[in-house]
């Protein structure tokens, strides 16, 4: 495997490790509740993917913003705006 592939895989593993540590937190439960308004059937899968993807409205990955002081409030509000725009 070349170094570019190894670097990419290492980055993705680190991101997934962070996500795994975030899931059992109260902050994640708050976001899960807010995401339920987006699409009740697919909300958790959608939320997990969204947390580790860059979000234009936040200027960063939601998981990065959520771990900053008052960041969880920003991420939760962003999710609620998404829900309003999707008719949730």
PDB file of N, CA and C in Angstrom:
ATOM      1  N   UNK A   1       0.851  -1.166   0.000  1.00  0.00           N
ATOM      2  CA  UNK A   1       0.000   0.000   0.000  1.00  0.00           C
ATOM      3  C   UNK A   1       0.903   1.237   0.000  1.00  0.00           C
ATOM      4  N   UNK A   2       0.514   2.257  -0.778  1.00  0.00           N
ATOM      5  CA  UNK A   2       1.348   3.459  -0.838  1.00  0.00           C
ATOM      6  C   UNK A   2       1.057   4.387   0.331  1.00  0.00           C
ATOM      7  N   UNK A   3       1.924   5.367   0.525  1.00  0.00           N
ATOM      8  CA  UNK A   3       1.806   6.240   1.695  1.00  0.00           C
ATOM      9  C   UNK A   3       0.549   7.112   1.655  1.00  0.00           C
ATOM     10  N   UNK A   4       0.074   7.472   0.464  1.00  0.00           N
ATOM     11  CA  UNK A   4      -1.149   8.262   0.360  1.00  0.00           C
ATOM     12  C   UNK A   4      -2.340   7.463   0.882  1.00  0.00           C
ATOM     13  N   UNK A   5      -2.432   6.217   0.474  1.00  0.00           N
ATOM     14  CA  UNK A   5      -3.520   5.355   0.932  1.00  0.00           C
ATOM     15  C   UNK A   5      -3.420   5.125   2.433  1.00  0.00           C
ATOM     16  N   UNK A   6      -2.216   4.884   2.916  1.00  0.00           N
ATOM     17  CA  UNK A   6      -2.036   4.655   4.345  1.00  0.00           C
ATOM     18  C   UNK A   6      -2.427   5.891   5.156  1.00  0.00           C
ATOM     19  N   UNK A   7      -2.056   7.060   4.664  1.00  0.00           N
ATOM     20  CA  UNK A   7      -2.412   8.313   5.343  1.00  0.00           C
ATOM     21  C   UNK A   7      -3.932   8.504   5.377  1.00  0.00           C
ATOM     22  N   UNK A   8      -4.579   8.252   4.244  1.00  0.00           N
ATOM     23  CA  UNK A   8      -6.034   8.381   4.172  1.00  0.00           C
ATOM     24  C   UNK A   8      -6.711   7.433   5.158  1.00  0.00           C
ATOM     25  N   UNK A   9      -6.284   6.190   5.169  1.00  0.00           N
ATOM     26  CA  UNK A   9      -6.874   5.189   6.063  1.00  0.00           C
ATOM     27  C   UNK A   9      -6.650   5.574   7.520  1.00  0.00           C
ATOM     28  N   UNK A  10      -5.459   6.035   7.848  1.00  0.00           N
ATOM     29  CA  UNK A  10      -5.164   6.453   9.221  1.00  0.00           C
ATOM     30  C   UNK A  10      -6.050   7.622   9.640  1.00  0.00           C
ATOM     31  N   UNK A  11      -6.258   8.566   8.737  1.00  0.00           N
ATOM     32  CA  UNK A  11      -7.112   9.716   9.026  1.00  0.00           C
ATOM     33  C   UNK A  11      -8.553   9.273   9.265  1.00  0.00           C
ATOM     34  N   UNK A  12      -9.053   8.383   8.416  1.00  0.00           N
ATOM     35  CA  UNK A  12     -10.420   7.895   8.575  1.00  0.00           C
ATOM     36  C   UNK A  12     -10.592   7.096   9.861  1.00  0.00           C
ATOM     37  N   UNK A  13      -9.598   6.284  10.199  1.00  0.00           N
ATOM     38  CA  UNK A  13      -9.669   5.517  11.450  1.00  0.00           C
ATOM     39  C   UNK A  13      -9.706   6.449  12.655  1.00  0.00           C
ATOM     40  N   UNK A  14      -8.885   7.477  12.633  1.00  0.00           N
ATOM     41  CA  UNK A  14      -8.855   8.435  13.748  1.00  0.00           C
ATOM     42  C   UNK A  14     -10.208   9.136  13.879  1.00  0.00           C
ATOM     43  N   UNK A  15     -10.786   9.493  12.753  1.00  0.00           N
ATOM     44  CA  UNK A  15     -12.095  10.150  12.768  1.00  0.00           C
ATOM     45  C   UNK A  15     -13.172   9.212  13.311  1.00  0.00           C
ATOM     46  N   UNK A  16     -13.146   7.968  12.895  1.00  0.00           N
ATOM     47  CA  UNK A  16     -14.122   6.991  13.393  1.00  0.00           C
ATOM     48  C   UNK A  16     -13.910   6.685  14.871  1.00  0.00           C
ATOM     49  N   UNK A  17     -12.656   6.691  15.319  1.00  0.00           N
ATOM     50  CA  UNK A  17     -12.385   6.511  16.749  1.00  0.00           C
ATOM     51  C   UNK A  17     -12.991   7.650  17.557  1.00  0.00           C
ATOM     52  N   UNK A  18     -12.859   8.872  17.055  1.00  0.00           N
ATOM     53  CA  UNK A  18     -13.459  10.023  17.729  1.00  0.00           C
ATOM     54  C   UNK A  18     -14.980   9.896  17.765  1.00  0.00           C
ATOM     55  N   UNK A  19     -15.555   9.455  16.647  1.00  0.00           N
ATOM     56  CA  UNK A  19     -17.001   9.266  16.583  1.00  0.00           C
ATOM     57  C   UNK A  19     -17.447   8.210  17.594  1.00  0.00           C
ATOM     58  N   UNK A  20     -16.692   7.137  17.689  1.00  0.00           N
ATOM     59  CA  UNK A  20     -17.030   6.071  18.630  1.00  0.00           C
ATOM     60  C   UNK A  20     -17.003   6.574  20.071  1.00  0.00           C
ATOM     61  N   UNK A  21     -16.064   7.445  20.397  1.00  0.00           N
ATOM     62  CA  UNK A  21     -16.012   8.016  21.750  1.00  0.00           C
ATOM     63  C   UNK A  21     -17.133   9.036  21.975  1.00  0.00           C
ATOM     64  N   UNK A  22     -17.599   9.671  20.913  1.00  0.00           N
ATOM     65  CA  UNK A  22     -18.641  10.692  21.017  1.00  0.00           C
ATOM     66  C   UNK A  22     -20.029  10.085  21.196  1.00  0.00           C
ATOM     67  N   UNK A  23     -20.285   8.942  20.582  1.00  0.00           N
ATOM     68  CA  UNK A  23     -21.626   8.336  20.576  1.00  0.00           C
ATOM     69  C   UNK A  23     -22.200   8.090  21.975  1.00  0.00           C
ATOM     70  N   UNK A  24     -21.441   7.644  22.968  1.00  0.00           N
ATOM     71  CA  UNK A  24     -22.063   7.408  24.279  1.00  0.00           C
ATOM     72  C   UNK A  24     -22.291   8.668  25.137  1.00  0.00           C
ATOM     73  N   UNK A  25     -22.034   9.843  24.591  1.00  0.00           N
ATOM     74  CA  UNK A  25     -22.138  11.073  25.386  1.00  0.00           C
ATOM     75  C   UNK A  25     -23.535  11.679  25.366  1.00  0.00           C
ATOM     76  N   UNK A  26     -23.774  12.543  26.343  1.00  0.00           N
ATOM     77  CA  UNK A  26     -25.030  13.289  26.389  1.00  0.00           C
ATOM     78  C   UNK A  26     -25.156  14.203  25.182  1.00  0.00           C
ATOM     79  N   UNK A  27     -24.041  14.758  24.730  1.00  0.00           N
ATOM     80  CA  UNK A  27     -24.059  15.635  23.549  1.00  0.00           C
ATOM     81  C   UNK A  27     -24.592  14.874  22.334  1.00  0.00           C
ATOM     82  N   UNK A  28     -24.151  13.628  22.163  1.00  0.00           N
ATOM     83  CA  UNK A  28     -24.648  12.827  21.043  1.00  0.00           C
ATOM     84  C   UNK A  28     -26.145  12.567  21.185  1.00  0.00           C
ATOM     85  N   UNK A  29     -26.609  12.294  22.387  1.00  0.00           N
ATOM     86  CA  UNK A  29     -28.045  12.047  22.591  1.00  0.00           C
ATOM     87  C   UNK A  29     -28.864  13.284  22.222  1.00  0.00           C
ATOM     88  N   UNK A  30     -28.345  14.454  22.548  1.00  0.00           N
ATOM     89  CA  UNK A  30     -29.031  15.693  22.158  1.00  0.00           C
ATOM     90  C   UNK A  30     -29.120  15.807  20.637  1.00  0.00           C
ATOM     91  N   UNK A  31     -28.025  15.509  19.971  1.00  0.00           N
ATOM     92  CA  UNK A  31     -28.021  15.606  18.511  1.00  0.00           C
ATOM     93  C   UNK A  31     -28.895  14.531  17.886  1.00  0.00           C
ATOM     94  N   UNK A  32     -28.901  13.360  18.469  1.00  0.00           N
ATOM     95  CA  UNK A  32     -29.749  12.264  17.973  1.00  0.00           C
ATOM     96  C   UNK A  32     -31.213  12.675  18.027  1.00  0.00           C
ATOM     97  N   UNK A  33     -31.577  13.324  19.103  1.00  0.00           N
ATOM     98  CA  UNK A  33     -32.946  13.796  19.248  1.00  0.00           C
ATOM     99  C   UNK A  33     -33.271  14.854  18.192  1.00  0.00           C
ATOM    100  N   UNK A  34     -32.368  15.782  17.997  1.00  0.00           N
ATOM    101  CA  UNK A  34     -32.576  16.824  16.983  1.00  0.00           C
ATOM    102  C   UNK A  34     -32.603  16.230  15.577  1.00  0.00           C
ATOM    103  N   UNK A  35     -31.762  15.251  15.306  1.00  0.00           N
ATOM    104  CA  UNK A  35     -31.713  14.623  13.981  1.00  0.00           C
ATOM    105  C   UNK A  35     -32.958  13.808  13.704  1.00  0.00           C
ATOM    106  N   UNK A  36     -33.615  13.329  14.745  1.00  0.00           N
ATOM    107  CA  UNK A  36     -34.843  12.561  14.562  1.00  0.00           C
ATOM    108  C   UNK A  36     -35.905  13.367  13.844  1.00  0.00           C
ATOM    109  N   UNK A  37     -35.795  14.673  13.941  1.00  0.00           N
ATOM    110  CA  UNK A  37     -36.740  15.545  13.244  1.00  0.00           C
ATOM    111  C   UNK A  37     -36.456  15.599  11.749  1.00  0.00           C
ATOM    112  N   UNK A  38     -35.254  15.235  11.349  1.00  0.00           N
ATOM    113  CA  UNK A  38     -34.883  15.289   9.929  1.00  0.00           C
ATOM    114  C   UNK A  38     -35.496  14.122   9.179  1.00  0.00           C
ATOM    115  N   UNK A  39     -35.283  12.910   9.654  1.00  0.00           N
ATOM    116  CA  UNK A  39     -35.810  11.718   9.007  1.00  0.00           C
ATOM    117  C   UNK A  39     -35.817  10.609  10.048  1.00  0.00           C
ATOM    118  N   UNK A  40     -36.950  10.379  10.648  1.00  0.00           N
ATOM    119  CA  UNK A  40     -37.036   9.437  11.765  1.00  0.00           C
ATOM    120  C   UNK A  40     -36.511   8.053  11.418  1.00  0.00           C
ATOM    121  N   UNK A  41     -36.749   7.591  10.207  1.00  0.00           N
ATOM    122  CA  UNK A  41     -36.345   6.246   9.826  1.00  0.00           C
ATOM    123  C   UNK A  41     -34.831   6.113   9.654  1.00  0.00           C
ATOM    124  N   UNK A  42     -34.201   7.127   9.087  1.00  0.00           N
ATOM    125  CA  UNK A  42     -32.775   7.047   8.800  1.00  0.00           C
ATOM    126  C   UNK A  42     -31.942   7.988   9.660  1.00  0.00           C
ATOM    127  N   UNK A  43     -32.519   8.537  10.697  1.00  0.00           N
ATOM    128  CA  UNK A  43     -31.857   9.614  11.417  1.00  0.00           C
ATOM    129  C   UNK A  43     -30.501   9.247  12.001  1.00  0.00           C
ATOM    130  N   UNK A  44     -30.355   8.085  12.615  1.00  0.00           N
ATOM    131  CA  UNK A  44     -29.066   7.781  13.234  1.00  0.00           C
ATOM    132  C   UNK A  44     -27.983   7.550  12.187  1.00  0.00           C
ATOM    133  N   UNK A  45     -28.276   6.797  11.150  1.00  0.00           N
ATOM    134  CA  UNK A  45     -27.283   6.587  10.097  1.00  0.00           C
ATOM    135  C   UNK A  45     -26.908   7.915   9.446  1.00  0.00           C
ATOM    136  N   UNK A  46     -27.918   8.739   9.184  1.00  0.00           N
ATOM    137  CA  UNK A  46     -27.673  10.044   8.593  1.00  0.00           C
ATOM    138  C   UNK A  46     -26.832  10.911   9.521  1.00  0.00           C
ATOM    139  N   UNK A  47     -27.170  10.909  10.812  1.00  0.00           N
ATOM    140  CA  UNK A  47     -26.451  11.717  11.788  1.00  0.00           C
ATOM    141  C   UNK A  47     -24.984  11.303  11.879  1.00  0.00           C
ATOM    142  N   UNK A  48     -24.729  10.024  11.953  1.00  0.00           N
ATOM    143  CA  UNK A  48     -23.350   9.549  12.056  1.00  0.00           C
ATOM    144  C   UNK A  48     -22.524   9.991  10.851  1.00  0.00           C
ATOM    145  N   UNK A  49     -23.083   9.850   9.674  1.00  0.00           N
ATOM    146  CA  UNK A  49     -22.397  10.292   8.450  1.00  0.00           C
ATOM    147  C   UNK A  49     -22.189  11.801   8.467  1.00  0.00           C
ATOM    148  N   UNK A  50     -23.219  12.527   8.858  1.00  0.00           N
ATOM    149  CA  UNK A  50     -23.164  13.987   8.873  1.00  0.00           C
ATOM    150  C   UNK A  50     -22.132  14.505   9.868  1.00  0.00           C
ATOM    151  N   UNK A  51     -22.027  13.856  11.027  1.00  0.00           N
ATOM    152  CA  UNK A  51     -21.086  14.297  12.053  1.00  0.00           C
ATOM    153  C   UNK A  51     -19.642  14.312  11.577  1.00  0.00           C
ATOM    154  N   UNK A  52     -19.282  13.419  10.682  1.00  0.00           N
ATOM    155  CA  UNK A  52     -17.886  13.315  10.242  1.00  0.00           C
ATOM    156  C   UNK A  52     -17.650  13.916   8.859  1.00  0.00           C
ATOM    157  N   UNK A  53     -18.669  14.580   8.310  1.00  0.00           N
ATOM    158  CA  UNK A  53     -18.548  15.226   7.002  1.00  0.00           C
ATOM    159  C   UNK A  53     -18.533  16.743   7.186  1.00  0.00           C
ATOM    160  N   UNK A  54     -17.754  17.441   6.373  1.00  0.00           N
ATOM    161  CA  UNK A  54     -17.769  18.908   6.486  1.00  0.00           C
ATOM    162  C   UNK A  54     -19.177  19.458   6.271  1.00  0.00           C
ATOM    163  N   UNK A  55     -19.598  20.364   7.138  1.00  0.00           N
ATOM    164  CA  UNK A  55     -20.917  20.993   7.050  1.00  0.00           C
ATOM    165  C   UNK A  55     -20.717  22.459   6.676  1.00  0.00           C
ATOM    166  N   UNK A  56     -21.233  22.842   5.527  1.00  0.00           N
ATOM    167  CA  UNK A  56     -21.041  24.208   5.054  1.00  0.00           C
ATOM    168  C   UNK A  56     -21.521  25.251   6.054  1.00  0.00           C
ATOM    169  N   UNK A  57     -22.654  25.036   6.657  1.00  0.00           N
ATOM    170  CA  UNK A  57     -23.207  26.004   7.589  1.00  0.00           C
ATOM    171  C   UNK A  57     -22.415  26.149   8.874  1.00  0.00           C
ATOM    172  N   UNK A  58     -21.571  25.172   9.176  1.00  0.00           N
ATOM    173  CA  UNK A  58     -20.763  25.221  10.390  1.00  0.00           C
ATOM    174  C   UNK A  58     -19.302  25.566  10.103  1.00  0.00           C
ATOM    175  N   UNK A  59     -18.894  25.402   8.860  1.00  0.00           N
ATOM    176  CA  UNK A  59     -17.511  25.683   8.494  1.00  0.00           C
ATOM    177  C   UNK A  59     -16.521  24.616   8.936  1.00  0.00           C
ATOM    178  N   UNK A  60     -17.015  23.473   9.357  1.00  0.00           N
ATOM    179  CA  UNK A  60     -16.165  22.377   9.827  1.00  0.00           C
ATOM    180  C   UNK A  60     -17.026  21.129   9.967  1.00  0.00           C
ATOM    181  N   UNK A  61     -16.392  20.041  10.334  1.00  0.00           N
ATOM    182  CA  UNK A  61     -17.163  18.832  10.637  1.00  0.00           C
ATOM    183  C   UNK A  61     -17.952  19.084  11.923  1.00  0.00           C
ATOM    184  N   UNK A  62     -19.201  18.684  11.948  1.00  0.00           N
ATOM    185  CA  UNK A  62     -19.998  18.875  13.159  1.00  0.00           C
ATOM    186  C   UNK A  62     -19.353  18.273  14.411  1.00  0.00           C
ATOM    187  N   UNK A  63     -18.693  17.136  14.285  1.00  0.00           N
ATOM    188  CA  UNK A  63     -18.057  16.527  15.463  1.00  0.00           C
ATOM    189  C   UNK A  63     -16.951  17.427  16.007  1.00  0.00           C
ATOM    190  N   UNK A  64     -16.274  18.174  15.131  1.00  0.00           N
ATOM    191  CA  UNK A  64     -15.235  19.097  15.577  1.00  0.00           C
ATOM    192  C   UNK A  64     -15.851  20.294  16.304  1.00  0.00           C
ATOM    193  N   UNK A  65     -16.936  20.813  15.752  1.00  0.00           N
ATOM    194  CA  UNK A  65     -17.615  21.954  16.362  1.00  0.00           C
ATOM    195  C   UNK A  65     -18.228  21.549  17.703  1.00  0.00           C
ATOM    196  N   UNK A  66     -18.840  20.380  17.754  1.00  0.00           N
ATOM    197  CA  UNK A  66     -19.530  19.924  18.970  1.00  0.00           C
ATOM    198  C   UNK A  66     -18.583  19.784  20.154  1.00  0.00           C
ATOM    199  N   UNK A  67     -17.322  19.546  19.901  1.00  0.00           N
ATOM    200  CA  UNK A  67     -16.361  19.356  20.984  1.00  0.00           C
ATOM    201  C   UNK A  67     -15.732  20.656  21.473  1.00  0.00           C
ATOM    202  N   UNK A  68     -16.164  21.789  20.936  1.00  0.00           N
ATOM    203  CA  UNK A  68     -15.669  23.090  21.385  1.00  0.00           C
ATOM    204  C   UNK A  68     -16.648  23.667  22.408  1.00  0.00           C
ATOM    205  N   UNK A  69     -16.186  24.621  23.236  1.00  0.00           N
ATOM    206  CA  UNK A  69     -17.110  25.249  24.186  1.00  0.00           C
ATOM    207  C   UNK A  69     -18.319  25.841  23.451  1.00  0.00           C
ATOM    208  N   UNK A  70     -19.490  25.535  23.926  1.00  0.00           N
ATOM    209  CA  UNK A  70     -20.773  25.975  23.351  1.00  0.00           C
ATOM    210  C   UNK A  70     -21.006  25.433  21.945  1.00  0.00           C
ATOM    211  N   UNK A  71     -20.138  24.581  21.470  1.00  0.00           N
ATOM    212  CA  UNK A  71     -20.269  24.033  20.125  1.00  0.00           C
ATOM    213  C   UNK A  71     -21.473  23.136  19.946  1.00  0.00           C
ATOM    214  N   UNK A  72     -21.803  22.385  20.984  1.00  0.00           N
ATOM    215  CA  UNK A  72     -22.945  21.481  20.869  1.00  0.00           C
ATOM    216  C   UNK A  72     -24.221  22.268  20.605  1.00  0.00           C
ATOM    217  N   UNK A  73     -24.337  23.454  21.193  1.00  0.00           N
ATOM    218  CA  UNK A  73     -25.516  24.289  20.951  1.00  0.00           C
ATOM    219  C   UNK A  73     -25.579  24.733  19.492  1.00  0.00           C
ATOM    220  N   UNK A  74     -24.431  25.097  18.922  1.00  0.00           N
ATOM    221  CA  UNK A  74     -24.381  25.498  17.511  1.00  0.00           C
ATOM    222  C   UNK A  74     -24.773  24.345  16.588  1.00  0.00           C
ATOM    223  N   UNK A  75     -24.239  23.163  16.879  1.00  0.00           N
ATOM    224  CA  UNK A  75     -24.528  21.991  16.048  1.00  0.00           C
ATOM    225  C   UNK A  75     -26.001  21.602  16.172  1.00  0.00           C
ATOM    226  N   UNK A  76     -26.526  21.629  17.372  1.00  0.00           N
ATOM    227  CA  UNK A  76     -27.932  21.283  17.576  1.00  0.00           C
ATOM    228  C   UNK A  76     -28.843  22.273  16.832  1.00  0.00           C
ATOM    229  N   UNK A  77     -28.538  23.556  16.917  1.00  0.00           N
ATOM    230  CA  UNK A  77     -29.326  24.563  16.209  1.00  0.00           C
ATOM    231  C   UNK A  77     -29.243  24.356  14.700  1.00  0.00           C
ATOM    232  N   UNK A  78     -28.069  24.017  14.211  1.00  0.00           N
ATOM    233  CA  UNK A  78     -27.902  23.756  12.779  1.00  0.00           C
ATOM    234  C   UNK A  78     -28.774  22.575  12.344  1.00  0.00           C
ATOM    235  N   UNK A  79     -28.805  21.533  13.146  1.00  0.00           N
ATOM    236  CA  UNK A  79     -29.652  20.362  12.848  1.00  0.00           C
ATOM    237  C   UNK A  79     -31.131  20.761  12.828  1.00  0.00           C
ATOM    238  N   UNK A  80     -31.522  21.576  13.749  1.00  0.00           N
ATOM    239  CA  UNK A  80     -32.933  22.004  13.791  1.00  0.00           C
ATOM    240  C   UNK A  80     -33.291  22.832  12.539  1.00  0.00           C
ATOM    241  N   UNK A  81     -32.353  23.644  12.070  1.00  0.00           N
ATOM    242  CA  UNK A  81     -32.605  24.388  10.816  1.00  0.00           C
ATOM    243  C   UNK A  81     -32.712  23.437   9.638  1.00  0.00           C
ATOM    244  N   UNK A  82     -31.895  22.402   9.610  1.00  0.00           N
ATOM    245  CA  UNK A  82     -31.996  21.388   8.546  1.00  0.00           C
ATOM    246  C   UNK A  82     -33.382  20.747   8.588  1.00  0.00           C
ATOM    247  N   UNK A  83     -33.824  20.387   9.797  1.00  0.00           N
ATOM    248  CA  UNK A  83     -35.135  19.744   9.947  1.00  0.00           C
ATOM    249  C   UNK A  83     -36.243  20.671   9.439  1.00  0.00           C
ATOM    250  N   UNK A  84     -36.162  21.957   9.742  1.00  0.00           N
ATOM    251  CA  UNK A  84     -37.174  22.901   9.278  1.00  0.00           C
ATOM    252  C   UNK A  84     -37.183  22.983   7.759  1.00  0.00           C
ATOM    253  N   UNK A  85     -36.010  22.957   7.165  1.00  0.00           N
ATOM    254  CA  UNK A  85     -35.914  23.058   5.705  1.00  0.00           C
ATOM    255  C   UNK A  85     -36.340  21.780   4.984  1.00  0.00           C
ATOM    256  N   UNK A  86     -36.342  20.652   5.689  1.00  0.00           N
ATOM    257  CA  UNK A  86     -36.765  19.404   5.062  1.00  0.00           C
ATOM    258  C   UNK A  86     -38.208  19.056   5.404  1.00  0.00           C
ATOM    259  N   UNK A  87     -38.854  19.939   6.142  1.00  0.00           N
ATOM    260  CA  UNK A  87     -40.251  19.677   6.489  1.00  0.00           C
ATOM    261  C   UNK A  87     -40.420  18.784   7.685  1.00  0.00           C
ATOM    262  N   UNK A  88     -39.312  18.535   8.427  1.00  0.00           N
ATOM    263  CA  UNK A  88     -39.365  17.667   9.605  1.00  0.00           C
ATOM    264  C   UNK A  88     -40.009  18.311  10.779  1.00  0.00           C
TER     265      UNK A  88
END
